[in-house]
Amino acid sequence: MFDPATLRFDAAGLIPAIAQAPSGEVLMMAWMNAEAVARTIETGRATYWSRSRQSFWVKGESSGHVQRLIELRVDCDRDCLLLIVDQAGPACHTNRRTCFYTAIRDGAEVEIMAPQG
């Protein structure tokens, strides 16, 4: 059985978690603590730790843009997580599919994705 205590959390008790669509598209990055990892596994819904609010954040709880966990992966150093998720609606709070909508091209920032709707 998987034990979140085997992960390597930082000094604040957090671990970076990357959310990715089954297609391989990177959707977002957030932070999790051991309890958020356990809740995600138990509920099947991505649960993160909000550093600004100092509270748990179930993705989509207020927006409806939920992330259903398909698979949780641990990297080789056990200090980063990859969540393969089924994303309902946009993943980014800016209403874009992904948080990675700005590219650096020829030294300039270029917005490569407009908000949805």
PDB file of N, CA and C in Angstrom:
ATOM      1  N   MET A   1       0.837  -1.186   0.000  1.00  0.00           N
ATOM      2  CA  MET A   1       0.000   0.000   0.000  1.00  0.00           C
ATOM      3  C   MET A   1       0.882   1.250   0.000  1.00  0.00           C
ATOM      4  N   PHE A   2       0.484   2.246  -0.767  1.00  0.00           N
ATOM      5  CA  PHE A   2       1.259   3.477  -0.864  1.00  0.00           C
ATOM      6  C   PHE A   2       1.135   4.304   0.414  1.00  0.00           C
ATOM      7  N   ASP A   3       2.257   4.814   0.891  1.00  0.00           N
ATOM      8  CA  ASP A   3       2.301   5.641   2.084  1.00  0.00           C
ATOM      9  C   ASP A   3       2.868   7.004   1.709  1.00  0.00           C
ATOM     10  N   PRO A   4       2.059   8.096   1.763  1.00  0.00           N
ATOM     11  CA  PRO A   4       2.566   9.422   1.424  1.00  0.00           C
ATOM     12  C   PRO A   4       3.779   9.846   2.249  1.00  0.00           C
ATOM     13  N   ALA A   5       3.987   9.240   3.412  1.00  0.00           N
ATOM     14  CA  ALA A   5       5.130   9.587   4.256  1.00  0.00           C
ATOM     15  C   ALA A   5       6.460   9.196   3.606  1.00  0.00           C
ATOM     16  N   THR A   6       6.407   8.344   2.571  1.00  0.00           N
ATOM     17  CA  THR A   6       7.642   7.945   1.883  1.00  0.00           C
ATOM     18  C   THR A   6       8.099   8.994   0.874  1.00  0.00           C
ATOM     19  N   LEU A   7       7.287  10.021   0.653  1.00  0.00           N
ATOM     20  CA  LEU A   7       7.657  11.088  -0.275  1.00  0.00           C
ATOM     21  C   LEU A   7       8.618  12.063   0.395  1.00  0.00           C
ATOM     22  N   ARG A   8       9.365  12.795  -0.429  1.00  0.00           N
ATOM     23  CA  ARG A   8      10.331  13.780   0.083  1.00  0.00           C
ATOM     24  C   ARG A   8       9.709  15.172  -0.036  1.00  0.00           C
ATOM     25  N   PHE A   9       9.149  15.652   1.074  1.00  0.00           N
ATOM     26  CA  PHE A   9       8.536  16.965   1.132  1.00  0.00           C
ATOM     27  C   PHE A   9       9.597  18.016   1.460  1.00  0.00           C
ATOM     28  N   ASP A  10       9.351  19.268   1.065  1.00  0.00           N
ATOM     29  CA  ASP A  10      10.303  20.336   1.376  1.00  0.00           C
ATOM     30  C   ASP A  10      10.170  20.733   2.848  1.00  0.00           C
ATOM     31  N   ALA A  11      10.911  21.758   3.259  1.00  0.00           N
ATOM     32  CA  ALA A  11      10.923  22.184   4.660  1.00  0.00           C
ATOM     33  C   ALA A  11       9.548  22.637   5.141  1.00  0.00           C
ATOM     34  N   ALA A  12       8.697  23.084   4.217  1.00  0.00           N
ATOM     35  CA  ALA A  12       7.341  23.516   4.568  1.00  0.00           C
ATOM     36  C   ALA A  12       6.349  22.357   4.535  1.00  0.00           C
ATOM     37  N   GLY A  13       6.849  21.141   4.254  1.00  0.00           N
ATOM     38  CA  GLY A  13       5.973  19.969   4.205  1.00  0.00           C
ATOM     39  C   GLY A  13       5.217  19.834   2.899  1.00  0.00           C
ATOM     40  N   LEU A  14       5.746  20.449   1.832  1.00  0.00           N
ATOM     41  CA  LEU A  14       5.066  20.449   0.541  1.00  0.00           C
ATOM     42  C   LEU A  14       5.877  19.737  -0.531  1.00  0.00           C
ATOM     43  N   ILE A  15       5.158  19.293  -1.556  1.00  0.00           N
ATOM     44  CA  ILE A  15       5.774  18.640  -2.711  1.00  0.00           C
ATOM     45  C   ILE A  15       5.100  19.200  -3.963  1.00  0.00           C
ATOM     46  N   PRO A  16       5.880  19.522  -5.021  1.00  0.00           N
ATOM     47  CA  PRO A  16       5.246  20.004  -6.253  1.00  0.00           C
ATOM     48  C   PRO A  16       4.470  18.888  -6.932  1.00  0.00           C
ATOM     49  N   ALA A  17       3.324  19.266  -7.493  1.00  0.00           N
ATOM     50  CA  ALA A  17       2.454  18.310  -8.176  1.00  0.00           C
ATOM     51  C   ALA A  17       2.071  18.892  -9.534  1.00  0.00           C
ATOM     52  N   ILE A  18       2.388  18.170 -10.581  1.00  0.00           N
ATOM     53  CA  ILE A  18       2.081  18.599 -11.938  1.00  0.00           C
ATOM     54  C   ILE A  18       0.853  17.838 -12.409  1.00  0.00           C
ATOM     55  N   ALA A  19      -0.142  18.582 -12.895  1.00  0.00           N
ATOM     56  CA  ALA A  19      -1.344  17.961 -13.446  1.00  0.00           C
ATOM     57  C   ALA A  19      -1.199  17.886 -14.959  1.00  0.00           C
ATOM     58  N   GLN A  20      -1.441  16.710 -15.500  1.00  0.00           N
ATOM     59  CA  GLN A  20      -1.271  16.453 -16.933  1.00  0.00           C
ATOM     60  C   GLN A  20      -2.488  15.711 -17.461  1.00  0.00           C
ATOM     61  N   ALA A  21      -2.906  16.084 -18.667  1.00  0.00           N
ATOM     62  CA  ALA A  21      -4.005  15.379 -19.337  1.00  0.00           C
ATOM     63  C   ALA A  21      -3.486  14.051 -19.879  1.00  0.00           C
ATOM     64  N   PRO A  22      -4.351  13.084 -20.117  1.00  0.00           N
ATOM     65  CA  PRO A  22      -3.916  11.806 -20.696  1.00  0.00           C
ATOM     66  C   PRO A  22      -3.188  11.976 -22.030  1.00  0.00           C
ATOM     67  N   SER A  23      -3.460  13.059 -22.749  1.00  0.00           N
ATOM     68  CA  SER A  23      -2.800  13.332 -24.035  1.00  0.00           C
ATOM     69  C   SER A  23      -1.339  13.731 -23.863  1.00  0.00           C
ATOM     70  N   GLY A  24      -0.933  14.042 -22.630  1.00  0.00           N
ATOM     71  CA  GLY A  24       0.419  14.514 -22.367  1.00  0.00           C
ATOM     72  C   GLY A  24       0.491  16.018 -22.157  1.00  0.00           C
ATOM     73  N   GLU A  25      -0.590  16.718 -22.422  1.00  0.00           N
ATOM     74  CA  GLU A  25      -0.624  18.171 -22.235  1.00  0.00           C
ATOM     75  C   GLU A  25      -0.467  18.507 -20.747  1.00  0.00           C
ATOM     76  N   VAL A  26       0.500  19.368 -20.428  1.00  0.00           N
ATOM     77  CA  VAL A  26       0.697  19.810 -19.053  1.00  0.00           C
ATOM     78  C   VAL A  26      -0.327  20.901 -18.757  1.00  0.00           C
ATOM     79  N   LEU A  27      -1.112  20.699 -17.708  1.00  0.00           N
ATOM     80  CA  LEU A  27      -2.198  21.617 -17.394  1.00  0.00           C
ATOM     81  C   LEU A  27      -1.817  22.668 -16.362  1.00  0.00           C
ATOM     82  N   MET A  28      -1.176  22.251 -15.294  1.00  0.00           N
ATOM     83  CA  MET A  28      -0.862  23.175 -14.208  1.00  0.00           C
ATOM     84  C   MET A  28       0.121  22.545 -13.233  1.00  0.00           C
ATOM     85  N   MET A  29       0.626  23.365 -12.336  1.00  0.00           N
ATOM     86  CA  MET A  29       1.475  22.908 -11.238  1.00  0.00           C
ATOM     87  C   MET A  29       0.911  23.516  -9.960  1.00  0.00           C
ATOM     88  N   ALA A  30       0.867  22.726  -8.923  1.00  0.00           N
ATOM     89  CA  ALA A  30       0.401  23.204  -7.620  1.00  0.00           C
ATOM     90  C   ALA A  30       1.191  22.449  -6.546  1.00  0.00           C
ATOM     91  N   TRP A  31       0.863  22.698  -5.314  1.00  0.00           N
ATOM     92  CA  TRP A  31       1.558  22.077  -4.190  1.00  0.00           C
ATOM     93  C   TRP A  31       0.624  21.148  -3.436  1.00  0.00           C
ATOM     94  N   MET A  32       1.194  20.092  -2.876  1.00  0.00           N
ATOM     95  CA  MET A  32       0.440  19.162  -2.045  1.00  0.00           C
ATOM     96  C   MET A  32       1.232  18.909  -0.769  1.00  0.00           C
ATOM     97  N   ASN A  33       0.515  18.659   0.320  1.00  0.00           N
ATOM     98  CA  ASN A  33       1.157  18.125   1.516  1.00  0.00           C
ATOM     99  C   ASN A  33       0.708  16.670   1.646  1.00  0.00           C
ATOM    100  N   ALA A  34       1.163  15.984   2.662  1.00  0.00           N
ATOM    101  CA  ALA A  34       0.849  14.553   2.792  1.00  0.00           C
ATOM    102  C   ALA A  34      -0.653  14.313   2.860  1.00  0.00           C
ATOM    103  N   GLU A  35      -1.377  15.174   3.554  1.00  0.00           N
ATOM    104  CA  GLU A  35      -2.825  15.012   3.675  1.00  0.00           C
ATOM    105  C   GLU A  35      -3.518  15.235   2.333  1.00  0.00           C
ATOM    106  N   ALA A  36      -3.050  16.198   1.536  1.00  0.00           N
ATOM    107  CA  ALA A  36      -3.633  16.440   0.207  1.00  0.00           C
ATOM    108  C   ALA A  36      -3.420  15.226  -0.695  1.00  0.00           C
ATOM    109  N   VAL A  37      -2.236  14.616  -0.599  1.00  0.00           N
ATOM    110  CA  VAL A  37      -1.964  13.406  -1.381  1.00  0.00           C
ATOM    111  C   VAL A  37      -2.931  12.305  -0.968  1.00  0.00           C
ATOM    112  N   ALA A  38      -3.080  12.108   0.332  1.00  0.00           N
ATOM    113  CA  ALA A  38      -3.979  11.063   0.839  1.00  0.00           C
ATOM    114  C   ALA A  38      -5.423  11.331   0.415  1.00  0.00           C
ATOM    115  N   ARG A  39      -5.866  12.572   0.518  1.00  0.00           N
ATOM    116  CA  ARG A  39      -7.241  12.922   0.126  1.00  0.00           C
ATOM    117  C   ARG A  39      -7.458  12.695  -1.377  1.00  0.00           C
ATOM    118  N   THR A  40      -6.461  13.046  -2.179  1.00  0.00           N
ATOM    119  CA  THR A  40      -6.566  12.841  -3.630  1.00  0.00           C
ATOM    120  C   THR A  40      -6.750  11.360  -3.946  1.00  0.00           C
ATOM    121  N   ILE A  41      -5.958  10.521  -3.307  1.00  0.00           N
ATOM    122  CA  ILE A  41      -6.047   9.075  -3.534  1.00  0.00           C
ATOM    123  C   ILE A  41      -7.396   8.541  -3.048  1.00  0.00           C
ATOM    124  N   GLU A  42      -7.832   8.987  -1.874  1.00  0.00           N
ATOM    125  CA  GLU A  42      -9.085   8.498  -1.293  1.00  0.00           C
ATOM    126  C   GLU A  42     -10.319   8.911  -2.096  1.00  0.00           C
ATOM    127  N   THR A  43     -10.340  10.161  -2.567  1.00  0.00           N
ATOM    128  CA  THR A  43     -11.541  10.696  -3.212  1.00  0.00           C
ATOM    129  C   THR A  43     -11.520  10.581  -4.735  1.00  0.00           C
ATOM    130  N   GLY A  44     -10.314  10.454  -5.316  1.00  0.00           N
ATOM    131  CA  GLY A  44     -10.203  10.451  -6.767  1.00  0.00           C
ATOM    132  C   GLY A  44     -10.325  11.828  -7.382  1.00  0.00           C
ATOM    133  N   ARG A  45     -10.335  12.877  -6.550  1.00  0.00           N
ATOM    134  CA  ARG A  45     -10.380  14.266  -7.014  1.00  0.00           C
ATOM    135  C   ARG A  45      -9.123  14.977  -6.560  1.00  0.00           C
ATOM    136  N   ALA A  46      -8.479  15.684  -7.490  1.00  0.00           N
ATOM    137  CA  ALA A  46      -7.219  16.371  -7.170  1.00  0.00           C
ATOM    138  C   ALA A  46      -7.445  17.380  -6.052  1.00  0.00           C
ATOM    139  N   THR A  47      -6.687  17.209  -4.979  1.00  0.00           N
ATOM    140  CA  THR A  47      -6.750  18.093  -3.818  1.00  0.00           C
ATOM    141  C   THR A  47      -5.351  18.635  -3.580  1.00  0.00           C
ATOM    142  N   TYR A  48      -5.241  19.943  -3.551  1.00  0.00           N
ATOM    143  CA  TYR A  48      -3.951  20.604  -3.388  1.00  0.00           C
ATOM    144  C   TYR A  48      -3.930  21.380  -2.081  1.00  0.00           C
ATOM    145  N   TRP A  49      -2.744  21.901  -1.739  1.00  0.00           N
ATOM    146  CA  TRP A  49      -2.600  22.775  -0.577  1.00  0.00           C
ATOM    147  C   TRP A  49      -2.377  24.190  -1.090  1.00  0.00           C
ATOM    148  N   SER A  50      -3.249  25.103  -0.722  1.00  0.00           N
ATOM    149  CA  SER A  50      -3.117  26.503  -1.118  1.00  0.00           C
ATOM    150  C   SER A  50      -2.181  27.203  -0.152  1.00  0.00           C
ATOM    151  N   ARG A  51      -1.033  27.625  -0.659  1.00  0.00           N
ATOM    152  CA  ARG A  51      -0.075  28.322   0.199  1.00  0.00           C
ATOM    153  C   ARG A  51      -0.596  29.692   0.606  1.00  0.00           C
ATOM    154  N   SER A  52      -1.331  30.362  -0.277  1.00  0.00           N
ATOM    155  CA  SER A  52      -1.834  31.701   0.047  1.00  0.00           C
ATOM    156  C   SER A  52      -2.967  31.654   1.076  1.00  0.00           C
ATOM    157  N   ARG A  53      -3.845  30.660   0.962  1.00  0.00           N
ATOM    158  CA  ARG A  53      -4.971  30.548   1.894  1.00  0.00           C
ATOM    159  C   ARG A  53      -4.657  29.653   3.091  1.00  0.00           C
ATOM    160  N   GLN A  54      -3.549  28.901   2.991  1.00  0.00           N
ATOM    161  CA  GLN A  54      -3.183  27.947   4.047  1.00  0.00           C
ATOM    162  C   GLN A  54      -4.342  26.982   4.324  1.00  0.00           C
ATOM    163  N   SER A  55      -4.875  26.423   3.226  1.00  0.00           N
ATOM    164  CA  SER A  55      -5.978  25.473   3.360  1.00  0.00           C
ATOM    165  C   SER A  55      -6.001  24.536   2.159  1.00  0.00           C
ATOM    166  N   PHE A  56      -6.769  23.454   2.299  1.00  0.00           N
ATOM    167  CA  PHE A  56      -6.908  22.515   1.195  1.00  0.00           C
ATOM    168  C   PHE A  56      -7.741  23.142   0.093  1.00  0.00           C
ATOM    169  N   TRP A  57      -7.436  22.759  -1.130  1.00  0.00           N
ATOM    170  CA  TRP A  57      -8.108  23.285  -2.308  1.00  0.00           C
ATOM    171  C   TRP A  57      -8.431  22.094  -3.200  1.00  0.00           C
ATOM    172  N   VAL A  58      -9.700  21.733  -3.273  1.00  0.00           N
ATOM    173  CA  VAL A  58     -10.147  20.675  -4.168  1.00  0.00           C
ATOM    174  C   VAL A  58     -10.387  21.332  -5.521  1.00  0.00           C
ATOM    175  N   LYS A  59      -9.591  20.958  -6.501  1.00  0.00           N
ATOM    176  CA  LYS A  59      -9.674  21.595  -7.817  1.00  0.00           C
ATOM    177  C   LYS A  59     -11.090  21.500  -8.364  1.00  0.00           C
ATOM    178  N   GLY A  60     -11.653  22.660  -8.719  1.00  0.00           N
ATOM    179  CA  GLY A  60     -12.985  22.711  -9.294  1.00  0.00           C
ATOM    180  C   GLY A  60     -14.110  22.828  -8.289  1.00  0.00           C
ATOM    181  N   GLU A  61     -13.772  22.883  -7.002  1.00  0.00           N
ATOM    182  CA  GLU A  61     -14.794  22.940  -5.965  1.00  0.00           C
ATOM    183  C   GLU A  61     -15.735  24.140  -6.148  1.00  0.00           C
ATOM    184  N   SER A  62     -15.175  25.282  -6.542  1.00  0.00           N
ATOM    185  CA  SER A  62     -16.033  26.454  -6.746  1.00  0.00           C
ATOM    186  C   SER A  62     -16.317  26.707  -8.223  1.00  0.00           C
ATOM    187  N   SER A  63     -15.381  26.359  -9.110  1.00  0.00           N
ATOM    188  CA  SER A  63     -15.548  26.649 -10.540  1.00  0.00           C
ATOM    189  C   SER A  63     -16.267  25.547 -11.310  1.00  0.00           C
ATOM    190  N   GLY A  64     -16.257  24.345 -10.768  1.00  0.00           N
ATOM    191  CA  GLY A  64     -16.809  23.205 -11.492  1.00  0.00           C
ATOM    192  C   GLY A  64     -15.809  22.562 -12.436  1.00  0.00           C
ATOM    193  N   HIS A  65     -14.598  23.117 -12.517  1.00  0.00           N
ATOM    194  CA  HIS A  65     -13.555  22.603 -13.403  1.00  0.00           C
ATOM    195  C   HIS A  65     -12.722  21.558 -12.666  1.00  0.00           C
ATOM    196  N   VAL A  66     -13.368  20.465 -12.335  1.00  0.00           N
ATOM    197  CA  VAL A  66     -12.754  19.431 -11.500  1.00  0.00           C
ATOM    198  C   VAL A  66     -11.685  18.635 -12.251  1.00  0.00           C
ATOM    199  N   GLN A  67     -10.792  18.072 -11.467  1.00  0.00           N
ATOM    200  CA  GLN A  67      -9.784  17.147 -11.991  1.00  0.00           C
ATOM    201  C   GLN A  67     -10.042  15.787 -11.352  1.00  0.00           C
ATOM    202  N   ARG A  68     -10.432  14.824 -12.191  1.00  0.00           N
ATOM    203  CA  ARG A  68     -10.627  13.453 -11.718  1.00  0.00           C
ATOM    204  C   ARG A  68      -9.312  12.716 -11.907  1.00  0.00           C
ATOM    205  N   LEU A  69      -8.805  12.145 -10.836  1.00  0.00           N
ATOM    206  CA  LEU A  69      -7.523  11.444 -10.882  1.00  0.00           C
ATOM    207  C   LEU A  69      -7.640  10.155 -11.678  1.00  0.00           C
ATOM    208  N   ILE A  70      -6.780  10.014 -12.657  1.00  0.00           N
ATOM    209  CA  ILE A  70      -6.667   8.769 -13.414  1.00  0.00           C
ATOM    210  C   ILE A  70      -5.525   7.943 -12.842  1.00  0.00           C
ATOM    211  N   GLU A  71      -4.390   8.626 -12.616  1.00  0.00           N
ATOM    212  CA  GLU A  71      -3.211   7.927 -12.077  1.00  0.00           C
ATOM    213  C   GLU A  71      -2.310   8.930 -11.375  1.00  0.00           C
ATOM    214  N   LEU A  72      -1.718   8.508 -10.273  1.00  0.00           N
ATOM    215  CA  LEU A  72      -0.738   9.313  -9.546  1.00  0.00           C
ATOM    216  C   LEU A  72       0.623   8.671  -9.750  1.00  0.00           C
ATOM    217  N   ARG A  73       1.588   9.468 -10.184  1.00  0.00           N
ATOM    218  CA  ARG A  73       2.943   8.961 -10.395  1.00  0.00           C
ATOM    219  C   ARG A  73       3.928   9.719  -9.515  1.00  0.00           C
ATOM    220  N   VAL A  74       4.953   9.006  -9.070  1.00  0.00           N
ATOM    221  CA  VAL A  74       6.004   9.564  -8.225  1.00  0.00           C
ATOM    222  C   VAL A  74       7.303   9.554  -9.023  1.00  0.00           C
ATOM    223  N   ASP A  75       8.041  10.670  -8.996  1.00  0.00           N
ATOM    224  CA  ASP A  75       9.299  10.699  -9.752  1.00  0.00           C
ATOM    225  C   ASP A  75      10.384   9.901  -9.034  1.00  0.00           C
ATOM    226  N   CYS A  76      11.515   9.729  -9.708  1.00  0.00           N
ATOM    227  CA  CYS A  76      12.596   8.860  -9.231  1.00  0.00           C
ATOM    228  C   CYS A  76      13.190   9.299  -7.896  1.00  0.00           C
ATOM    229  N   ASP A  77      13.184  10.600  -7.624  1.00  0.00           N
ATOM    230  CA  ASP A  77      13.719  11.102  -6.354  1.00  0.00           C
ATOM    231  C   ASP A  77      12.651  11.197  -5.267  1.00  0.00           C
ATOM    232  N   ARG A  78      11.412  10.903  -5.634  1.00  0.00           N
ATOM    233  CA  ARG A  78      10.265  10.948  -4.720  1.00  0.00           C
ATOM    234  C   ARG A  78      10.002  12.354  -4.190  1.00  0.00           C
ATOM    235  N   ASP A  79      10.419  13.380  -4.978  1.00  0.00           N
ATOM    236  CA  ASP A  79      10.215  14.761  -4.530  1.00  0.00           C
ATOM    237  C   ASP A  79       9.339  15.581  -5.483  1.00  0.00           C
ATOM    238  N   CYS A  80       8.633  14.900  -6.377  1.00  0.00           N
ATOM    239  CA  CYS A  80       7.710  15.557  -7.297  1.00  0.00           C
ATOM    240  C   CYS A  80       6.652  14.538  -7.727  1.00  0.00           C
ATOM    241  N   LEU A  81       5.431  15.021  -7.883  1.00  0.00           N
ATOM    242  CA  LEU A  81       4.333  14.149  -8.279  1.00  0.00           C
ATOM    243  C   LEU A  81       3.798  14.543  -9.647  1.00  0.00           C
ATOM    244  N   LEU A  82       3.296  13.565 -10.356  1.00  0.00           N
ATOM    245  CA  LEU A  82       2.616  13.779 -11.630  1.00  0.00           C
ATOM    246  C   LEU A  82       1.222  13.190 -11.486  1.00  0.00           C
ATOM    247  N   LEU A  83       0.208  14.028 -11.646  1.00  0.00           N
ATOM    248  CA  LEU A  83      -1.169  13.567 -11.592  1.00  0.00           C
ATOM    249  C   LEU A  83      -1.704  13.536 -13.012  1.00  0.00           C
ATOM    250  N   ILE A  84      -2.055  12.359 -13.484  1.00  0.00           N
ATOM    251  CA  ILE A  84      -2.728  12.238 -14.768  1.00  0.00           C
ATOM    252  C   ILE A  84      -4.212  12.409 -14.433  1.00  0.00           C
ATOM    253  N   VAL A  85      -4.833  13.433 -15.033  1.00  0.00           N
ATOM    254  CA  VAL A  85      -6.194  13.789 -14.652  1.00  0.00           C
ATOM    255  C   VAL A  85      -7.106  13.953 -15.854  1.00  0.00           C
ATOM    256  N   ASP A  86      -8.370  13.717 -15.605  1.00  0.00           N
ATOM    257  CA  ASP A  86      -9.417  14.057 -16.548  1.00  0.00           C
ATOM    258  C   ASP A  86      -9.885  15.442 -16.129  1.00  0.00           C
ATOM    259  N   GLN A  87      -9.561  16.456 -16.927  1.00  0.00           N
ATOM    260  CA  GLN A  87      -9.850  17.845 -16.598  1.00  0.00           C
ATOM    261  C   GLN A  87     -11.185  18.266 -17.201  1.00  0.00           C
ATOM    262  N   ALA A  88     -12.104  18.719 -16.374  1.00  0.00           N
ATOM    263  CA  ALA A  88     -13.373  19.276 -16.848  1.00  0.00           C
ATOM    264  C   ALA A  88     -13.203  20.779 -16.991  1.00  0.00           C
ATOM    265  N   GLY A  89     -13.314  21.289 -18.208  1.00  0.00           N
ATOM    266  CA  GLY A  89     -13.159  22.727 -18.431  1.00  0.00           C
ATOM    267  C   GLY A  89     -11.713  23.153 -18.327  1.00  0.00           C
ATOM    268  N   PRO A  90     -11.484  24.467 -18.210  1.00  0.00           N
ATOM    269  CA  PRO A  90     -10.122  24.978 -18.138  1.00  0.00           C
ATOM    270  C   PRO A  90      -9.453  24.618 -16.807  1.00  0.00           C
ATOM    271  N   ALA A  91      -8.134  24.436 -16.847  1.00  0.00           N
ATOM    272  CA  ALA A  91      -7.382  24.144 -15.631  1.00  0.00           C
ATOM    273  C   ALA A  91      -6.917  25.419 -14.942  1.00  0.00           C
ATOM    274  N   CYS A  92      -6.719  26.476 -15.706  1.00  0.00           N
ATOM    275  CA  CYS A  92      -6.151  27.722 -15.179  1.00  0.00           C
ATOM    276  C   CYS A  92      -7.234  28.660 -14.665  1.00  0.00           C
ATOM    277  N   HIS A  93      -6.915  29.392 -13.610  1.00  0.00           N
ATOM    278  CA  HIS A  93      -7.866  30.361 -13.057  1.00  0.00           C
ATOM    279  C   HIS A  93      -8.131  31.521 -14.024  1.00  0.00           C
ATOM    280  N   THR A  94      -7.325  31.636 -15.094  1.00  0.00           N
ATOM    281  CA  THR A  94      -7.536  32.670 -16.108  1.00  0.00           C
ATOM    282  C   THR A  94      -8.518  32.200 -17.181  1.00  0.00           C
ATOM    283  N   ASN A  95      -9.102  31.030 -16.974  1.00  0.00           N
ATOM    284  CA  ASN A  95     -10.070  30.412 -17.882  1.00  0.00           C
ATOM    285  C   ASN A  95      -9.426  29.879 -19.165  1.00  0.00           C
ATOM    286  N   ARG A  96      -8.164  29.486 -19.068  1.00  0.00           N
ATOM    287  CA  ARG A  96      -7.469  28.848 -20.185  1.00  0.00           C
ATOM    288  C   ARG A  96      -7.334  27.359 -19.895  1.00  0.00           C
ATOM    289  N   ARG A  97      -7.189  26.574 -20.933  1.00  0.00           N
ATOM    290  CA  ARG A  97      -7.045  25.121 -20.800  1.00  0.00           C
ATOM    291  C   ARG A  97      -5.877  24.765 -19.894  1.00  0.00           C
ATOM    292  N   THR A  98      -4.761  25.496 -20.022  1.00  0.00           N
ATOM    293  CA  THR A  98      -3.548  25.231 -19.251  1.00  0.00           C
ATOM    294  C   THR A  98      -3.011  26.528 -18.667  1.00  0.00           C
ATOM    295  N   CYS A  99      -2.262  26.419 -17.580  1.00  0.00           N
ATOM    296  CA  CYS A  99      -1.614  27.593 -16.992  1.00  0.00           C
ATOM    297  C   CYS A  99      -0.401  28.032 -17.819  1.00  0.00           C
ATOM    298  N   PHE A 100       0.066  27.170 -18.699  1.00  0.00           N
ATOM    299  CA  PHE A 100       1.264  27.448 -19.495  1.00  0.00           C
ATOM    300  C   PHE A 100       0.864  28.011 -20.852  1.00  0.00           C
ATOM    301  N   TYR A 101       0.337  29.221 -20.841  1.00  0.00           N
ATOM    302  CA  TYR A 101      -0.157  29.863 -22.061  1.00  0.00           C
ATOM    303  C   TYR A 101       0.746  30.985 -22.561  1.00  0.00           C
ATOM    304  N   THR A 102       1.892  31.182 -21.919  1.00  0.00           N
ATOM    305  CA  THR A 102       2.849  32.194 -22.358  1.00  0.00           C
ATOM    306  C   THR A 102       4.139  31.515 -22.790  1.00  0.00           C
ATOM    307  N   ALA A 103       4.565  31.790 -24.023  1.00  0.00           N
ATOM    308  CA  ALA A 103       5.810  31.228 -24.559  1.00  0.00           C
ATOM    309  C   ALA A 103       6.837  32.353 -24.699  1.00  0.00           C
ATOM    310  N   ILE A 104       8.092  32.001 -24.568  1.00  0.00           N
ATOM    311  CA  ILE A 104       9.173  32.939 -24.834  1.00  0.00           C
ATOM    312  C   ILE A 104       9.714  32.572 -26.212  1.00  0.00           C
ATOM    313  N   ARG A 105       9.507  33.450 -27.165  1.00  0.00           N
ATOM    314  CA  ARG A 105       9.920  33.210 -28.546  1.00  0.00           C
ATOM    315  C   ARG A 105      10.748  34.386 -29.039  1.00  0.00           C
ATOM    316  N   ASP A 106      11.961  34.076 -29.476  1.00  0.00           N
ATOM    317  CA  ASP A 106      12.887  35.116 -29.934  1.00  0.00           C
ATOM    318  C   ASP A 106      13.045  36.212 -28.885  1.00  0.00           C
ATOM    319  N   GLY A 107      13.070  35.803 -27.615  1.00  0.00           N
ATOM    320  CA  GLY A 107      13.305  36.734 -26.521  1.00  0.00           C
ATOM    321  C   GLY A 107      12.084  37.520 -26.071  1.00  0.00           C
ATOM    322  N   ALA A 108      10.947  37.279 -26.687  1.00  0.00           N
ATOM    323  CA  ALA A 108       9.736  38.018 -26.331  1.00  0.00           C
ATOM    324  C   ALA A 108       8.667  37.070 -25.790  1.00  0.00           C
ATOM    325  N   GLU A 109       7.851  37.602 -24.877  1.00  0.00           N
ATOM    326  CA  GLU A 109       6.717  36.832 -24.372  1.00  0.00           C
ATOM    327  C   GLU A 109       5.582  36.882 -25.387  1.00  0.00           C
ATOM    328  N   VAL A 110       5.032  35.707 -25.663  1.00  0.00           N
ATOM    329  CA  VAL A 110       3.939  35.597 -26.628  1.00  0.00           C
ATOM    330  C   VAL A 110       2.818  34.787 -25.987  1.00  0.00           C
ATOM    331  N   GLU A 111       1.612  35.371 -25.941  1.00  0.00           N
ATOM    332  CA  GLU A 111       0.463  34.634 -25.436  1.00  0.00           C
ATOM    333  C   GLU A 111      -0.007  33.694 -26.531  1.00  0.00           C
ATOM    334  N   ILE A 112       0.043  32.390 -26.241  1.00  0.00           N
ATOM    335  CA  ILE A 112      -0.260  31.394 -27.272  1.00  0.00           C
ATOM    336  C   ILE A 112      -1.643  30.754 -27.124  1.00  0.00           C
ATOM    337  N   MET A 113      -2.395  31.229 -26.114  1.00  0.00           N
ATOM    338  CA  MET A 113      -3.702  30.646 -25.875  1.00  0.00           C
ATOM    339  C   MET A 113      -4.608  31.696 -25.253  1.00  0.00           C
ATOM    340  N   ALA A 114      -5.771  31.878 -25.823  1.00  0.00           N
ATOM    341  CA  ALA A 114      -6.742  32.833 -25.289  1.00  0.00           C
ATOM    342  C   ALA A 114      -7.638  32.150 -24.257  1.00  0.00           C
ATOM    343  N   PRO A 115      -8.253  32.926 -23.387  1.00  0.00           N
ATOM    344  CA  PRO A 115      -9.219  32.333 -22.457  1.00  0.00           C
ATOM    345  C   PRO A 115     -10.367  31.673 -23.202  1.00  0.00           C
ATOM    346  N   GLN A 116     -10.934  30.641 -22.581  1.00  0.00           N
ATOM    347  CA  GLN A 116     -12.068  29.942 -23.199  1.00  0.00           C
ATOM    348  C   GLN A 116     -13.347  30.733 -22.965  1.00  0.00           C
ATOM    349  N   GLY A 117     -14.255  30.608 -23.925  1.00  0.00           N
ATOM    350  CA  GLY A 117     -15.580  31.194 -23.790  1.00  0.00           C
ATOM    351  C   GLY A 117     -15.571  32.649 -23.868  1.00  0.00           C
TER     352      GLY A 117
END
